[in-house]
Amino acid sequence: MTTARTATARTATGTGAARACDRETSITRSLLGYGVIAGPVYVGVSLTEALTRDGFDLTRHAWSLLANGDLGWIHIVNFVLAGAMTMTFAAGLRRAHGGGW
């Protein structure tokens, strides 16, 4: 008897073998997804800050200088968020690898 879930899995994979998408697999994929977006989020926020900050010149100043001043909290939150997403990605890699060496 073919269920809707099995039919969807067969269609998505293109093979006759059904792939079960259990909760553990979807959590691991979500954790790995944070690694994909960590870099673009960091660059996007930093670039937006650099282009909107008065007196900031991309050719002369490092992005880390955006953490100074009244709006520096935005860049600090950006650092923390990118670091947390990277650590979450590392946890996803460990889960995907199986937890061993």
PDB file of N, CA and C in Angstrom:
ATOM      1  N   MET A   1       0.841  -1.170   0.000  1.00  0.00           N
ATOM      2  CA  MET A   1       0.000   0.000   0.000  1.00  0.00           C
ATOM      3  C   MET A   1       0.895   1.245   0.000  1.00  0.00           C
ATOM      4  N   THR A   2       0.664   2.142  -0.930  1.00  0.00           N
ATOM      5  CA  THR A   2       1.473   3.352  -1.054  1.00  0.00           C
ATOM      6  C   THR A   2       0.754   4.509  -0.381  1.00  0.00           C
ATOM      7  N   THR A   3       1.455   5.161   0.521  1.00  0.00           N
ATOM      8  CA  THR A   3       0.880   6.334   1.178  1.00  0.00           C
ATOM      9  C   THR A   3       1.318   7.584   0.445  1.00  0.00           C
ATOM     10  N   ALA A   4       0.723   8.703   0.792  1.00  0.00           N
ATOM     11  CA  ALA A   4       1.081   9.970   0.159  1.00  0.00           C
ATOM     12  C   ALA A   4       2.522  10.344   0.479  1.00  0.00           C
ATOM     13  N   ARG A   5       2.954  10.013   1.687  1.00  0.00           N
ATOM     14  CA  ARG A   5       4.317  10.331   2.096  1.00  0.00           C
ATOM     15  C   ARG A   5       5.330   9.542   1.266  1.00  0.00           C
ATOM     16  N   THR A   6       5.076   8.260   1.056  1.00  0.00           N
ATOM     17  CA  THR A   6       5.971   7.426   0.270  1.00  0.00           C
ATOM     18  C   THR A   6       5.998   7.888  -1.175  1.00  0.00           C
ATOM     19  N   ALA A   7       4.831   8.237  -1.715  1.00  0.00           N
ATOM     20  CA  ALA A   7       4.770   8.690  -3.101  1.00  0.00           C
ATOM     21  C   ALA A   7       5.528   9.995  -3.274  1.00  0.00           C
ATOM     22  N   THR A   8       5.415  10.880  -2.313  1.00  0.00           N
ATOM     23  CA  THR A   8       6.136  12.140  -2.392  1.00  0.00           C
ATOM     24  C   THR A   8       7.636  11.914  -2.323  1.00  0.00           C
ATOM     25  N   ALA A   9       8.074  11.017  -1.454  1.00  0.00           N
ATOM     26  CA  ALA A   9       9.498  10.728  -1.319  1.00  0.00           C
ATOM     27  C   ALA A   9      10.041  10.113  -2.602  1.00  0.00           C
ATOM     28  N   ARG A  10       9.276   9.226  -3.208  1.00  0.00           N
ATOM     29  CA  ARG A  10       9.720   8.614  -4.461  1.00  0.00           C
ATOM     30  C   ARG A  10       9.822   9.656  -5.561  1.00  0.00           C
ATOM     31  N   THR A  11       8.861  10.562  -5.624  1.00  0.00           N
ATOM     32  CA  THR A  11       8.880  11.597  -6.648  1.00  0.00           C
ATOM     33  C   THR A  11      10.049  12.550  -6.435  1.00  0.00           C
ATOM     34  N   ALA A  12      10.307  12.911  -5.181  1.00  0.00           N
ATOM     35  CA  ALA A  12      11.367  13.875  -4.890  1.00  0.00           C
ATOM     36  C   ALA A  12      12.753  13.300  -5.167  1.00  0.00           C
ATOM     37  N   THR A  13      12.951  12.024  -4.876  1.00  0.00           N
ATOM     38  CA  THR A  13      14.273  11.446  -5.065  1.00  0.00           C
ATOM     39  C   THR A  13      14.467  10.914  -6.473  1.00  0.00           C
ATOM     40  N   GLY A  14      13.392  10.608  -7.149  1.00  0.00           N
ATOM     41  CA  GLY A  14      13.511  10.092  -8.503  1.00  0.00           C
ATOM     42  C   GLY A  14      13.845   8.610  -8.536  1.00  0.00           C
ATOM     43  N   THR A  15      13.853   7.946  -7.407  1.00  0.00           N
ATOM     44  CA  THR A  15      14.123   6.521  -7.354  1.00  0.00           C
ATOM     45  C   THR A  15      12.922   5.802  -6.770  1.00  0.00           C
ATOM     46  N   GLY A  16      12.936   4.503  -6.852  1.00  0.00           N
ATOM     47  CA  GLY A  16      11.860   3.701  -6.293  1.00  0.00           C
ATOM     48  C   GLY A  16      11.959   3.548  -4.787  1.00  0.00           C
ATOM     49  N   ALA A  17      13.139   3.770  -4.238  1.00  0.00           N
ATOM     50  CA  ALA A  17      13.319   3.608  -2.798  1.00  0.00           C
ATOM     51  C   ALA A  17      12.767   4.823  -2.065  1.00  0.00           C
ATOM     52  N   ALA A  18      11.938   4.573  -1.092  1.00  0.00           N
ATOM     53  CA  ALA A  18      11.347   5.654  -0.314  1.00  0.00           C
ATOM     54  C   ALA A  18      12.342   6.138   0.733  1.00  0.00           C
ATOM     55  N   ARG A  19      12.432   7.427   0.847  1.00  0.00           N
ATOM     56  CA  ARG A  19      13.295   8.027   1.865  1.00  0.00           C
ATOM     57  C   ARG A  19      12.417   8.563   2.968  1.00  0.00           C
ATOM     58  N   ALA A  20      12.691   8.134   4.175  1.00  0.00           N
ATOM     59  CA  ALA A  20      11.928   8.642   5.301  1.00  0.00           C
ATOM     60  C   ALA A  20      12.559   9.945   5.773  1.00  0.00           C
ATOM     61  N   CYS A  21      11.754  10.953   5.920  1.00  0.00           N
ATOM     62  CA  CYS A  21      12.238  12.231   6.427  1.00  0.00           C
ATOM     63  C   CYS A  21      11.744  12.363   7.854  1.00  0.00           C
ATOM     64  N   ASP A  22      12.508  11.811   8.752  1.00  0.00           N
ATOM     65  CA  ASP A  22      12.099  11.848  10.147  1.00  0.00           C
ATOM     66  C   ASP A  22      12.522  13.165  10.786  1.00  0.00           C
ATOM     67  N   ARG A  23      12.168  13.321  12.035  1.00  0.00           N
ATOM     68  CA  ARG A  23      12.445  14.559  12.740  1.00  0.00           C
ATOM     69  C   ARG A  23      13.946  14.816  12.894  1.00  0.00           C
ATOM     70  N   GLU A  24      14.723  13.778  13.178  1.00  0.00           N
ATOM     71  CA  GLU A  24      16.176  13.930  13.345  1.00  0.00           C
ATOM     72  C   GLU A  24      16.823  14.465  12.071  1.00  0.00           C
ATOM     73  N   THR A  25      16.409  13.940  10.938  1.00  0.00           N
ATOM     74  CA  THR A  25      16.974  14.380   9.658  1.00  0.00           C
ATOM     75  C   THR A  25      16.630  15.838   9.381  1.00  0.00           C
ATOM     76  N   SER A  26      15.400  16.232   9.643  1.00  0.00           N
ATOM     77  CA  SER A  26      15.019  17.618   9.369  1.00  0.00           C
ATOM     78  C   SER A  26      15.703  18.593  10.323  1.00  0.00           C
ATOM     79  N   ILE A  27      15.936  18.188  11.568  1.00  0.00           N
ATOM     80  CA  ILE A  27      16.669  19.048  12.501  1.00  0.00           C
ATOM     81  C   ILE A  27      18.110  19.214  12.030  1.00  0.00           C
ATOM     82  N   THR A  28      18.735  18.115  11.618  1.00  0.00           N
ATOM     83  CA  THR A  28      20.117  18.187  11.133  1.00  0.00           C
ATOM     84  C   THR A  28      20.220  19.083   9.910  1.00  0.00           C
ATOM     85  N   ARG A  29      19.273  18.968   9.007  1.00  0.00           N
ATOM     86  CA  ARG A  29      19.282  19.822   7.810  1.00  0.00           C
ATOM     87  C   ARG A  29      19.094  21.286   8.167  1.00  0.00           C
ATOM     88  N   SER A  30      18.257  21.555   9.152  1.00  0.00           N
ATOM     89  CA  SER A  30      18.067  22.938   9.594  1.00  0.00           C
ATOM     90  C   SER A  30      19.349  23.494  10.187  1.00  0.00           C
ATOM     91  N   LEU A  31      20.027  22.683  11.010  1.00  0.00           N
ATOM     92  CA  LEU A  31      21.290  23.124  11.598  1.00  0.00           C
ATOM     93  C   LEU A  31      22.329  23.410  10.517  1.00  0.00           C
ATOM     94  N   LEU A  32      22.391  22.561   9.511  1.00  0.00           N
ATOM     95  CA  LEU A  32      23.337  22.768   8.410  1.00  0.00           C
ATOM     96  C   LEU A  32      22.968  23.992   7.573  1.00  0.00           C
ATOM     97  N   GLY A  33      21.694  24.294   7.496  1.00  0.00           N
ATOM     98  CA  GLY A  33      21.244  25.458   6.737  1.00  0.00           C
ATOM     99  C   GLY A  33      21.764  26.766   7.304  1.00  0.00           C
ATOM    100  N   TYR A  34      21.963  26.810   8.628  1.00  0.00           N
ATOM    101  CA  TYR A  34      22.501  28.028   9.230  1.00  0.00           C
ATOM    102  C   TYR A  34      23.915  28.319   8.739  1.00  0.00           C
ATOM    103  N   GLY A  35      24.661  27.292   8.430  1.00  0.00           N
ATOM    104  CA  GLY A  35      26.005  27.505   7.898  1.00  0.00           C
ATOM    105  C   GLY A  35      25.973  28.121   6.515  1.00  0.00           C
ATOM    106  N   VAL A  36      24.941  27.808   5.763  1.00  0.00           N
ATOM    107  CA  VAL A  36      24.805  28.348   4.412  1.00  0.00           C
ATOM    108  C   VAL A  36      24.487  29.842   4.456  1.00  0.00           C
ATOM    109  N   ILE A  37      23.687  30.264   5.433  1.00  0.00           N
ATOM    110  CA  ILE A  37      23.269  31.665   5.462  1.00  0.00           C
ATOM    111  C   ILE A  37      24.135  32.553   6.349  1.00  0.00           C
ATOM    112  N   ALA A  38      25.029  31.979   7.147  1.00  0.00           N
ATOM    113  CA  ALA A  38      25.828  32.779   8.082  1.00  0.00           C
ATOM    114  C   ALA A  38      26.672  33.829   7.354  1.00  0.00           C
ATOM    115  N   GLY A  39      27.384  33.428   6.331  1.00  0.00           N
ATOM    116  CA  GLY A  39      28.235  34.354   5.589  1.00  0.00           C
ATOM    117  C   GLY A  39      27.467  35.454   4.881  1.00  0.00           C
ATOM    118  N   PRO A  40      26.457  35.101   4.088  1.00  0.00           N
ATOM    119  CA  PRO A  40      25.688  36.154   3.413  1.00  0.00           C
ATOM    120  C   PRO A  40      24.996  37.125   4.362  1.00  0.00           C
ATOM    121  N   VAL A  41      24.522  36.641   5.508  1.00  0.00           N
ATOM    122  CA  VAL A  41      23.892  37.543   6.473  1.00  0.00           C
ATOM    123  C   VAL A  41      24.925  38.521   7.015  1.00  0.00           C
ATOM    124  N   TYR A  42      26.097  38.011   7.387  1.00  0.00           N
ATOM    125  CA  TYR A  42      27.151  38.879   7.915  1.00  0.00           C
ATOM    126  C   TYR A  42      27.571  39.934   6.888  1.00  0.00           C
ATOM    127  N   VAL A  43      27.814  39.505   5.670  1.00  0.00           N
ATOM    128  CA  VAL A  43      28.243  40.435   4.626  1.00  0.00           C
ATOM    129  C   VAL A  43      27.137  41.434   4.300  1.00  0.00           C
ATOM    130  N   GLY A  44      25.906  40.968   4.230  1.00  0.00           N
ATOM    131  CA  GLY A  44      24.785  41.861   3.910  1.00  0.00           C
ATOM    132  C   GLY A  44      24.581  42.947   4.951  1.00  0.00           C
ATOM    133  N   VAL A  45      24.599  42.557   6.219  1.00  0.00           N
ATOM    134  CA  VAL A  45      24.413  43.544   7.283  1.00  0.00           C
ATOM    135  C   VAL A  45      25.603  44.504   7.325  1.00  0.00           C
ATOM    136  N   SER A  46      26.807  43.975   7.213  1.00  0.00           N
ATOM    137  CA  SER A  46      27.998  44.830   7.258  1.00  0.00           C
ATOM    138  C   SER A  46      28.023  45.816   6.095  1.00  0.00           C
ATOM    139  N   LEU A  47      27.699  45.345   4.918  1.00  0.00           N
ATOM    140  CA  LEU A  47      27.698  46.220   3.751  1.00  0.00           C
ATOM    141  C   LEU A  47      26.625  47.295   3.867  1.00  0.00           C
ATOM    142  N   THR A  48      25.457  46.919   4.363  1.00  0.00           N
ATOM    143  CA  THR A  48      24.390  47.897   4.567  1.00  0.00           C
ATOM    144  C   THR A  48      24.814  48.959   5.566  1.00  0.00           C
ATOM    145  N   GLU A  49      25.445  48.514   6.654  1.00  0.00           N
ATOM    146  CA  GLU A  49      25.953  49.472   7.640  1.00  0.00           C
ATOM    147  C   GLU A  49      27.001  50.394   7.032  1.00  0.00           C
ATOM    148  N   ALA A  50      27.929  49.830   6.289  1.00  0.00           N
ATOM    149  CA  ALA A  50      29.022  50.618   5.717  1.00  0.00           C
ATOM    150  C   ALA A  50      28.499  51.669   4.738  1.00  0.00           C
ATOM    151  N   LEU A  51      27.489  51.309   3.976  1.00  0.00           N
ATOM    152  CA  LEU A  51      26.962  52.241   2.980  1.00  0.00           C
ATOM    153  C   LEU A  51      26.084  53.318   3.592  1.00  0.00           C
ATOM    154  N   THR A  52      25.528  53.068   4.773  1.00  0.00           N
ATOM    155  CA  THR A  52      24.639  54.047   5.385  1.00  0.00           C
ATOM    156  C   THR A  52      25.295  54.853   6.492  1.00  0.00           C
ATOM    157  N   ARG A  53      26.494  54.482   6.917  1.00  0.00           N
ATOM    158  CA  ARG A  53      27.175  55.186   8.005  1.00  0.00           C
ATOM    159  C   ARG A  53      27.905  56.398   7.446  1.00  0.00           C
ATOM    160  N   ASP A  54      27.627  57.554   8.025  1.00  0.00           N
ATOM    161  CA  ASP A  54      28.288  58.798   7.591  1.00  0.00           C
ATOM    162  C   ASP A  54      29.778  58.744   7.901  1.00  0.00           C
ATOM    163  N   GLY A  55      30.601  59.094   6.943  1.00  0.00           N
ATOM    164  CA  GLY A  55      32.036  59.163   7.124  1.00  0.00           C
ATOM    165  C   GLY A  55      32.767  57.837   6.977  1.00  0.00           C
ATOM    166  N   PHE A  56      32.049  56.767   6.735  1.00  0.00           N
ATOM    167  CA  PHE A  56      32.696  55.461   6.584  1.00  0.00           C
ATOM    168  C   PHE A  56      33.060  55.257   5.127  1.00  0.00           C
ATOM    169  N   ASP A  57      34.315  54.907   4.881  1.00  0.00           N
ATOM    170  CA  ASP A  57      34.812  54.703   3.518  1.00  0.00           C
ATOM    171  C   ASP A  57      35.290  53.255   3.394  1.00  0.00           C
ATOM    172  N   LEU A  58      34.660  52.499   2.517  1.00  0.00           N
ATOM    173  CA  LEU A  58      35.007  51.077   2.345  1.00  0.00           C
ATOM    174  C   LEU A  58      36.443  50.871   1.875  1.00  0.00           C
ATOM    175  N   THR A  59      37.013  51.853   1.200  1.00  0.00           N
ATOM    176  CA  THR A  59      38.374  51.687   0.698  1.00  0.00           C
ATOM    177  C   THR A  59      39.438  51.950   1.765  1.00  0.00           C
ATOM    178  N   ARG A  60      39.057  52.628   2.868  1.00  0.00           N
ATOM    179  CA  ARG A  60      40.032  52.962   3.900  1.00  0.00           C
ATOM    180  C   ARG A  60      39.772  52.307   5.248  1.00  0.00           C
ATOM    181  N   HIS A  61      38.544  51.955   5.535  1.00  0.00           N
ATOM    182  CA  HIS A  61      38.197  51.464   6.862  1.00  0.00           C
ATOM    183  C   HIS A  61      37.863  49.969   6.846  1.00  0.00           C
ATOM    184  N   ALA A  62      38.226  49.297   7.933  1.00  0.00           N
ATOM    185  CA  ALA A  62      37.860  47.881   8.106  1.00  0.00           C
ATOM    186  C   ALA A  62      36.433  47.795   8.648  1.00  0.00           C
ATOM    187  N   TRP A  63      35.742  46.712   8.315  1.00  0.00           N
ATOM    188  CA  TRP A  63      34.361  46.541   8.772  1.00  0.00           C
ATOM    189  C   TRP A  63      34.256  46.487  10.284  1.00  0.00           C
ATOM    190  N   SER A  64      35.301  46.035  10.955  1.00  0.00           N
ATOM    191  CA  SER A  64      35.225  45.922  12.405  1.00  0.00           C
ATOM    192  C   SER A  64      35.097  47.294  13.070  1.00  0.00           C
ATOM    193  N   LEU A  65      35.460  48.367  12.366  1.00  0.00           N
ATOM    194  CA  LEU A  65      35.295  49.714  12.917  1.00  0.00           C
ATOM    195  C   LEU A  65      33.829  50.115  13.035  1.00  0.00           C
ATOM    196  N   LEU A  66      32.955  49.376  12.378  1.00  0.00           N
ATOM    197  CA  LEU A  66      31.524  49.659  12.488  1.00  0.00           C
ATOM    198  C   LEU A  66      30.989  49.354  13.885  1.00  0.00           C
ATOM    199  N   ALA A  67      31.751  48.637  14.689  1.00  0.00           N
ATOM    200  CA  ALA A  67      31.330  48.326  16.055  1.00  0.00           C
ATOM    201  C   ALA A  67      31.534  49.518  16.989  1.00  0.00           C
ATOM    202  N   ASN A  68      32.151  50.585  16.509  1.00  0.00           N
ATOM    203  CA  ASN A  68      32.379  51.792  17.318  1.00  0.00           C
ATOM    204  C   ASN A  68      31.220  52.767  17.144  1.00  0.00           C
ATOM    205  N   GLY A  69      31.014  53.622  18.130  1.00  0.00           N
ATOM    206  CA  GLY A  69      30.032  54.693  18.023  1.00  0.00           C
ATOM    207  C   GLY A  69      28.661  54.304  18.528  1.00  0.00           C
ATOM    208  N   ASP A  70      27.722  55.205  18.296  1.00  0.00           N
ATOM    209  CA  ASP A  70      26.355  55.020  18.793  1.00  0.00           C
ATOM    210  C   ASP A  70      25.650  53.823  18.161  1.00  0.00           C
ATOM    211  N   LEU A  71      25.921  53.568  16.902  1.00  0.00           N
ATOM    212  CA  LEU A  71      25.272  52.446  16.210  1.00  0.00           C
ATOM    213  C   LEU A  71      26.134  51.184  16.212  1.00  0.00           C
ATOM    214  N   GLY A  72      27.159  51.158  17.035  1.00  0.00           N
ATOM    215  CA  GLY A  72      28.056  50.008  17.090  1.00  0.00           C
ATOM    216  C   GLY A  72      27.376  48.740  17.551  1.00  0.00           C
ATOM    217  N   TRP A  73      26.289  48.875  18.315  1.00  0.00           N
ATOM    218  CA  TRP A  73      25.571  47.694  18.811  1.00  0.00           C
ATOM    219  C   TRP A  73      25.039  46.842  17.657  1.00  0.00           C
ATOM    220  N   ILE A  74      24.746  47.467  16.533  1.00  0.00           N
ATOM    221  CA  ILE A  74      24.226  46.710  15.388  1.00  0.00           C
ATOM    222  C   ILE A  74      25.292  45.742  14.886  1.00  0.00           C
ATOM    223  N   HIS A  75      26.510  46.218  14.786  1.00  0.00           N
ATOM    224  CA  HIS A  75      27.586  45.357  14.280  1.00  0.00           C
ATOM    225  C   HIS A  75      27.976  44.298  15.310  1.00  0.00           C
ATOM    226  N   ILE A  76      27.904  44.639  16.583  1.00  0.00           N
ATOM    227  CA  ILE A  76      28.194  43.654  17.623  1.00  0.00           C
ATOM    228  C   ILE A  76      27.162  42.525  17.583  1.00  0.00           C
ATOM    229  N   VAL A  77      25.901  42.882  17.414  1.00  0.00           N
ATOM    230  CA  VAL A  77      24.850  41.858  17.280  1.00  0.00           C
ATOM    231  C   VAL A  77      25.095  41.028  16.022  1.00  0.00           C
ATOM    232  N   ASN A  78      25.560  41.664  14.959  1.00  0.00           N
ATOM    233  CA  ASN A  78      25.884  40.961  13.723  1.00  0.00           C
ATOM    234  C   ASN A  78      26.998  39.935  13.958  1.00  0.00           C
ATOM    235  N   PHE A  79      28.045  40.327  14.696  1.00  0.00           N
ATOM    236  CA  PHE A  79      29.125  39.395  15.061  1.00  0.00           C
ATOM    237  C   PHE A  79      28.586  38.201  15.842  1.00  0.00           C
ATOM    238  N   VAL A  80      27.790  38.489  16.861  1.00  0.00           N
ATOM    239  CA  VAL A  80      27.257  37.427  17.726  1.00  0.00           C
ATOM    240  C   VAL A  80      26.350  36.496  16.926  1.00  0.00           C
ATOM    241  N   LEU A  81      25.503  37.059  16.089  1.00  0.00           N
ATOM    242  CA  LEU A  81      24.592  36.250  15.279  1.00  0.00           C
ATOM    243  C   LEU A  81      25.344  35.354  14.295  1.00  0.00           C
ATOM    244  N   ALA A  82      26.345  35.910  13.621  1.00  0.00           N
ATOM    245  CA  ALA A  82      27.137  35.109  12.675  1.00  0.00           C
ATOM    246  C   ALA A  82      27.896  34.006  13.409  1.00  0.00           C
ATOM    247  N   GLY A  83      28.421  34.310  14.594  1.00  0.00           N
ATOM    248  CA  GLY A  83      29.110  33.294  15.390  1.00  0.00           C
ATOM    249  C   GLY A  83      28.173  32.195  15.844  1.00  0.00           C
ATOM    250  N   ALA A  84      26.971  32.568  16.274  1.00  0.00           N
ATOM    251  CA  ALA A  84      25.992  31.566  16.712  1.00  0.00           C
ATOM    252  C   ALA A  84      25.558  30.675  15.550  1.00  0.00           C
ATOM    253  N   MET A  85      25.380  31.265  14.370  1.00  0.00           N
ATOM    254  CA  MET A  85      25.003  30.461  13.208  1.00  0.00           C
ATOM    255  C   MET A  85      26.130  29.513  12.808  1.00  0.00           C
ATOM    256  N   THR A  86      27.368  29.952  12.933  1.00  0.00           N
ATOM    257  CA  THR A  86      28.503  29.094  12.614  1.00  0.00           C
ATOM    258  C   THR A  86      28.613  27.930  13.605  1.00  0.00           C
ATOM    259  N   MET A  87      28.386  28.212  14.876  1.00  0.00           N
ATOM    260  CA  MET A  87      28.429  27.143  15.880  1.00  0.00           C
ATOM    261  C   MET A  87      27.270  26.159  15.691  1.00  0.00           C
ATOM    262  N   THR A  88      26.111  26.674  15.286  1.00  0.00           N
ATOM    263  CA  THR A  88      24.979  25.804  14.998  1.00  0.00           C
ATOM    264  C   THR A  88      25.288  24.907  13.810  1.00  0.00           C
ATOM    265  N   PHE A  89      25.947  25.456  12.809  1.00  0.00           N
ATOM    266  CA  PHE A  89      26.371  24.670  11.656  1.00  0.00           C
ATOM    267  C   PHE A  89      27.334  23.558  12.081  1.00  0.00           C
ATOM    268  N   ALA A  90      28.249  23.875  12.998  1.00  0.00           N
ATOM    269  CA  ALA A  90      29.188  22.868  13.486  1.00  0.00           C
ATOM    270  C   ALA A  90      28.447  21.735  14.195  1.00  0.00           C
ATOM    271  N   ALA A  91      27.425  22.077  14.960  1.00  0.00           N
ATOM    272  CA  ALA A  91      26.618  21.041  15.618  1.00  0.00           C
ATOM    273  C   ALA A  91      25.910  20.175  14.574  1.00  0.00           C
ATOM    274  N   GLY A  92      25.438  20.806  13.498  1.00  0.00           N
ATOM    275  CA  GLY A  92      24.804  20.043  12.421  1.00  0.00           C
ATOM    276  C   GLY A  92      25.773  19.112  11.724  1.00  0.00           C
ATOM    277  N   LEU A  93      27.016  19.566  11.533  1.00  0.00           N
ATOM    278  CA  LEU A  93      28.041  18.706  10.926  1.00  0.00           C
ATOM    279  C   LEU A  93      28.321  17.493  11.820  1.00  0.00           C
ATOM    280  N   ARG A  94      28.393  17.722  13.115  1.00  0.00           N
ATOM    281  CA  ARG A  94      28.638  16.625  14.043  1.00  0.00           C
ATOM    282  C   ARG A  94      27.495  15.610  13.988  1.00  0.00           C
ATOM    283  N   ARG A  95      26.262  16.111  13.942  1.00  0.00           N
ATOM    284  CA  ARG A  95      25.111  15.203  13.864  1.00  0.00           C
ATOM    285  C   ARG A  95      25.109  14.435  12.546  1.00  0.00           C
ATOM    286  N   ALA A  96      25.442  15.117  11.449  1.00  0.00           N
ATOM    287  CA  ALA A  96      25.448  14.471  10.139  1.00  0.00           C
ATOM    288  C   ALA A  96      26.541  13.435  10.022  1.00  0.00           C
ATOM    289  N   HIS A  97      27.661  13.672  10.699  1.00  0.00           N
ATOM    290  CA  HIS A  97      28.788  12.755  10.638  1.00  0.00           C
ATOM    291  C   HIS A  97      28.550  11.528  11.516  1.00  0.00           C
ATOM    292  N   GLY A  98      27.705  11.657  12.489  1.00  0.00           N
ATOM    293  CA  GLY A  98      27.411  10.517  13.354  1.00  0.00           C
ATOM    294  C   GLY A  98      27.989  10.651  14.746  1.00  0.00           C
ATOM    295  N   GLY A  99      28.668  11.734  15.033  1.00  0.00           N
ATOM    296  CA  GLY A  99      29.157  11.991  16.366  1.00  0.00           C
ATOM    297  C   GLY A  99      30.512  11.386  16.708  1.00  0.00           C
ATOM    298  N   GLY A 100      31.073  10.583  15.845  1.00  0.00           N
ATOM    299  CA  GLY A 100      32.376   9.979  16.135  1.00  0.00           C
ATOM    300  C   GLY A 100      33.502  10.682  15.397  1.00  0.00           C
ATOM    301  N   TRP A 101      34.713  10.220  15.621  1.00  0.00           N
ATOM    302  CA  TRP A 101      35.856  10.799  14.940  1.00  0.00           C
ATOM    303  C   TRP A 101      35.899  10.261  13.534  1.00  0.00           C
TER     304      TRP A 101
END
